């Protein structure tokens, strides 16, 4: 049961990171001035980190399903 809560927390944190990265990218694109490339790299890194956390959560979820199927 605790592992399911951990999976949900990791997935939610990943979604929050993705949403924050998309919001930051939208903010950078709507500004009238040109921003340095490092700002875009930070935003893209935040989106990729969120995708990585989402992938870890999905991997844990699939692992739990496989363990439950093996115990039947």
C-alpha atoms as a PDB file:
ATOM      1  CA  UNK A   1       0.000   0.000   0.000  1.00  0.00           C
ATOM      2  CA  UNK A   2       2.822   2.388   0.844  1.00  0.00           C
ATOM      3  CA  UNK A   3       4.416   1.702  -2.522  1.00  0.00           C
ATOM      4  CA  UNK A   4       1.236   2.753  -4.313  1.00  0.00           C
ATOM      5  CA  UNK A   5       1.285   6.057  -2.420  1.00  0.00           C
ATOM      6  CA  UNK A   6       4.936   6.531  -3.395  1.00  0.00           C
ATOM      7  CA  UNK A   7       4.109   5.867  -7.055  1.00  0.00           C
ATOM      8  CA  UNK A   8       1.281   8.399  -6.976  1.00  0.00           C
ATOM      9  CA  UNK A   9       3.483  11.024  -5.288  1.00  0.00           C
ATOM     10  CA  UNK A  10       6.268  10.544  -7.838  1.00  0.00           C
ATOM     11  CA  UNK A  11       3.791  10.772 -10.719  1.00  0.00           C
ATOM     12  CA  UNK A  12       2.184  13.927  -9.330  1.00  0.00           C
ATOM     13  CA  UNK A  13       5.584  15.536  -8.744  1.00  0.00           C
ATOM     14  CA  UNK A  14       6.532  14.683 -12.329  1.00  0.00           C
ATOM     15  CA  UNK A  15       3.332  16.244 -13.646  1.00  0.00           C
ATOM     16  CA  UNK A  16       3.942  19.378 -11.584  1.00  0.00           C
ATOM     17  CA  UNK A  17       7.465  19.638 -13.010  1.00  0.00           C
ATOM     18  CA  UNK A  18       6.166  19.194 -16.563  1.00  0.00           C
ATOM     19  CA  UNK A  19       3.474  21.826 -15.997  1.00  0.00           C
ATOM     20  CA  UNK A  20       5.992  24.233 -14.483  1.00  0.00           C
ATOM     21  CA  UNK A  21       8.356  23.714 -17.392  1.00  0.00           C
ATOM     22  CA  UNK A  22       5.609  24.313 -19.939  1.00  0.00           C
ATOM     23  CA  UNK A  23       4.537  27.442 -18.068  1.00  0.00           C
ATOM     24  CA  UNK A  24       8.144  28.680 -18.022  1.00  0.00           C
ATOM     25  CA  UNK A  25       8.546  27.978 -21.738  1.00  0.00           C
ATOM     26  CA  UNK A  26       5.307  29.830 -22.488  1.00  0.00           C
ATOM     27  CA  UNK A  27       6.524  32.741 -20.353  1.00  0.00           C
ATOM     28  CA  UNK A  28       9.858  32.876 -22.210  1.00  0.00           C
ATOM     29  CA  UNK A  29       8.198  32.717 -25.618  1.00  0.00           C
ATOM     30  CA  UNK A  30       5.710  35.499 -24.865  1.00  0.00           C
ATOM     31  CA  UNK A  31       8.357  37.971 -23.710  1.00  0.00           C
ATOM     32  CA  UNK A  32       9.179  40.694 -26.179  1.00  0.00           C
ATOM     33  CA  UNK A  33      12.951  40.534 -25.712  1.00  0.00           C
ATOM     34  CA  UNK A  34      15.388  37.816 -26.728  1.00  0.00           C
ATOM     35  CA  UNK A  35      16.499  35.598 -23.836  1.00  0.00           C
ATOM     36  CA  UNK A  36      19.798  33.708 -23.568  1.00  0.00           C
ATOM     37  CA  UNK A  37      19.793  30.059 -24.593  1.00  0.00           C
ATOM     38  CA  UNK A  38      20.574  28.925 -21.051  1.00  0.00           C
ATOM     39  CA  UNK A  39      17.078  29.989 -19.920  1.00  0.00           C
ATOM     40  CA  UNK A  40      15.503  27.746 -22.544  1.00  0.00           C
ATOM     41  CA  UNK A  41      17.872  24.932 -21.571  1.00  0.00           C
ATOM     42  CA  UNK A  42      16.752  25.183 -17.934  1.00  0.00           C
ATOM     43  CA  UNK A  43      13.089  25.006 -18.935  1.00  0.00           C
ATOM     44  CA  UNK A  44      13.661  22.043 -21.254  1.00  0.00           C
ATOM     45  CA  UNK A  45      15.646  20.330 -18.494  1.00  0.00           C
ATOM     46  CA  UNK A  46      12.739  20.819 -16.109  1.00  0.00           C
ATOM     47  CA  UNK A  47      10.312  19.263 -18.595  1.00  0.00           C
ATOM     48  CA  UNK A  48      12.687  16.334 -19.176  1.00  0.00           C
ATOM     49  CA  UNK A  49      13.089  15.832 -15.423  1.00  0.00           C
ATOM     50  CA  UNK A  50       9.315  15.647 -15.080  1.00  0.00           C
ATOM     51  CA  UNK A  51       9.120  13.104 -17.889  1.00  0.00           C
ATOM     52  CA  UNK A  52      11.835  11.080 -16.192  1.00  0.00           C
ATOM     53  CA  UNK A  53       9.941  11.085 -12.886  1.00  0.00           C
ATOM     54  CA  UNK A  54       6.767  10.069 -14.716  1.00  0.00           C
ATOM     55  CA  UNK A  55       8.689   7.183 -16.323  1.00  0.00           C
ATOM     56  CA  UNK A  56      10.047   6.033 -12.969  1.00  0.00           C
ATOM     57  CA  UNK A  57       6.537   6.021 -11.523  1.00  0.00           C
ATOM     58  CA  UNK A  58       5.237   4.000 -14.466  1.00  0.00           C
ATOM     59  CA  UNK A  59       8.128   1.543 -14.134  1.00  0.00           C
ATOM     60  CA  UNK A  60       7.377   1.048 -10.430  1.00  0.00           C
ATOM     61  CA  UNK A  61       3.696   0.551 -11.222  1.00  0.00           C
ATOM     62  CA  UNK A  62       4.459  -2.077 -13.862  1.00  0.00           C
ATOM     63  CA  UNK A  63       6.889  -3.763 -11.467  1.00  0.00           C
ATOM     64  CA  UNK A  64       4.191  -4.037  -8.816  1.00  0.00           C
ATOM     65  CA  UNK A  65       1.766  -5.522 -11.333  1.00  0.00           C
ATOM     66  CA  UNK A  66       4.336  -8.113 -12.387  1.00  0.00           C
ATOM     67  CA  UNK A  67       5.087  -9.023  -8.777  1.00  0.00           C
ATOM     68  CA  UNK A  68       1.384  -9.432  -8.041  1.00  0.00           C
ATOM     69  CA  UNK A  69       0.957 -11.637 -11.112  1.00  0.00           C
ATOM     70  CA  UNK A  70       3.941 -13.769 -10.101  1.00  0.00           C
ATOM     71  CA  UNK A  71       2.508 -14.330  -6.624  1.00  0.00           C
ATOM     72  CA  UNK A  72      -0.759 -15.800  -7.938  1.00  0.00           C
END
